[in-house]
Amino acid sequence: MRINGLALVGLLFLDVVLFGFAVGLVAIIFSLWLVVATFIASPLLVVLADVMHLQAFALWRLILAALLAAVGFTAIRPFATFITRKIKEIFVGYWVLHQQTLYRKF
């Protein structure tokens, strides 16, 4: 099998165009998982802020932090997992398309 030179040039230009889009998708996935981690850790952060005397303890803050943790764990984490899997499937499919295009037999 040999590399198709014209397909290589075309795919390189396509990759240059799509690179910014791919970086944006990875950044969105990273920020989504960062939100999930922050929501889940929010009760710990409230207690830690009280222990370090950064803010006065208030029960309503702890209740809201527990609600954020519940929302993060039950709603946002499954969504983040689903989106991450779909984006991974898209990237793997694009890689397979590259391989099939470059090494096509003529």
Protein backbone atom coordinates (compact mmCIF):
# COMPACT_ATOMS: atom_id res chain seq x y z
CA MET A 1 0.00 0.00 0.00
CA ARG A 2 1.24 3.43 -0.82
CA ILE A 3 0.18 6.90 0.23
CA ASN A 4 -2.03 8.89 -2.13
CA GLY A 5 -0.17 12.21 -2.44
CA LEU A 6 -3.10 14.33 -3.57
CA ALA A 7 -5.26 13.00 -0.75
CA LEU A 8 -2.46 13.81 1.69
CA VAL A 9 -2.35 17.44 0.56
CA GLY A 10 -6.14 17.73 0.67
CA LEU A 11 -6.36 16.19 4.13
CA LEU A 12 -3.61 18.45 5.45
CA PHE A 13 -5.52 21.53 4.31
CA LEU A 14 -8.74 20.11 5.77
CA ASP A 15 -6.95 19.47 9.06
CA VAL A 16 -5.69 23.04 9.18
CA VAL A 17 -9.25 24.30 8.73
CA LEU A 18 -10.75 21.89 11.29
CA PHE A 19 -7.97 22.24 13.88
CA GLY A 20 -9.55 25.24 15.60
CA PHE A 21 -12.90 23.47 15.74
CA ALA A 22 -11.30 20.38 17.31
CA VAL A 23 -9.46 22.48 19.90
CA GLY A 24 -12.74 24.20 20.73
CA LEU A 25 -14.51 20.86 21.21
CA VAL A 26 -11.77 19.58 23.50
CA ALA A 27 -11.91 22.82 25.51
CA ILE A 28 -15.68 22.53 25.89
CA ILE A 29 -15.37 18.91 27.06
CA PHE A 30 -12.64 19.89 29.53
CA SER A 31 -14.70 22.77 30.93
CA LEU A 32 -17.78 20.55 31.20
CA TRP A 33 -15.86 18.02 33.28
CA LEU A 34 -14.40 20.84 35.37
CA VAL A 35 -17.96 22.02 36.15
CA VAL A 36 -18.94 18.47 37.11
CA ALA A 37 -15.97 18.14 39.45
CA THR A 38 -16.62 21.54 41.02
CA PHE A 39 -20.32 20.82 41.56
CA ILE A 40 -19.56 17.47 43.18
CA ALA A 41 -16.84 18.97 45.39
CA SER A 42 -18.89 22.01 46.43
CA PRO A 43 -19.95 20.68 49.88
CA LEU A 44 -16.33 19.92 50.67
CA LEU A 45 -15.34 23.40 49.52
CA VAL A 46 -17.96 25.00 51.80
CA VAL A 47 -16.72 23.04 54.81
CA LEU A 48 -13.09 23.74 53.89
CA ALA A 49 -13.81 27.47 53.64
CA ASP A 50 -15.30 27.38 57.13
CA VAL A 51 -12.37 25.43 58.58
CA MET A 52 -9.87 27.86 57.04
CA HIS A 53 -11.95 30.83 58.31
CA LEU A 54 -12.39 32.22 54.81
CA GLN A 55 -16.11 32.75 55.33
CA ALA A 56 -18.57 32.26 58.14
CA PHE A 57 -20.50 29.02 58.20
CA ALA A 58 -24.10 29.25 57.05
CA LEU A 59 -26.43 26.31 56.78
CA TRP A 60 -28.01 27.63 53.60
CA ARG A 61 -24.59 27.55 51.88
CA LEU A 62 -24.14 23.92 52.83
CA ILE A 63 -27.65 23.05 51.63
CA LEU A 64 -27.11 24.81 48.31
CA ALA A 65 -23.73 23.09 47.94
CA ALA A 66 -25.39 19.72 48.58
CA LEU A 67 -27.99 20.54 45.93
CA LEU A 68 -25.25 21.49 43.49
CA ALA A 69 -23.49 18.22 44.22
CA ALA A 70 -26.71 16.28 43.60
CA VAL A 71 -27.34 18.10 40.32
CA GLY A 72 -23.74 17.60 39.24
CA PHE A 73 -23.79 13.91 40.05
CA THR A 74 -27.24 13.00 38.72
CA ALA A 75 -27.77 15.34 35.76
CA ILE A 76 -24.57 16.88 34.48
CA ARG A 77 -22.20 13.91 34.87
CA PRO A 78 -24.25 11.54 32.66
CA PHE A 79 -24.60 14.31 30.07
CA ALA A 80 -20.84 14.92 30.16
CA THR A 81 -20.17 11.20 29.80
CA PHE A 82 -22.53 10.96 26.81
CA ILE A 83 -21.04 14.02 25.09
CA THR A 84 -17.48 12.82 25.72
CA ARG A 85 -18.24 9.43 24.17
CA LYS A 86 -19.87 11.00 21.11
CA ILE A 87 -16.97 13.40 20.55
CA LYS A 88 -14.54 10.51 20.92
CA GLU A 89 -16.51 8.52 18.33
CA ILE A 90 -16.36 11.50 15.97
CA PHE A 91 -12.58 11.84 16.39
CA VAL A 92 -12.00 8.11 15.92
CA GLY A 93 -14.25 8.10 12.85
CA TYR A 94 -12.32 11.03 11.41
CA TRP A 95 -9.05 9.16 12.03
CA VAL A 96 -10.43 6.08 10.25
CA LEU A 97 -11.54 8.30 7.34
CA HIS A 98 -7.97 9.63 7.12
CA GLN A 99 -6.54 6.13 7.04
CA GLN A 100 -8.98 4.95 4.41
CA THR A 101 -8.41 7.99 2.24
CA LEU A 102 -4.63 7.99 2.44
CA TYR A 103 -4.05 4.29 1.91
CA ARG A 104 -6.72 3.58 -0.73
CA LYS A 105 -5.53 1.14 -3.37
CA PHE A 106 -5.67 2.30 -6.99
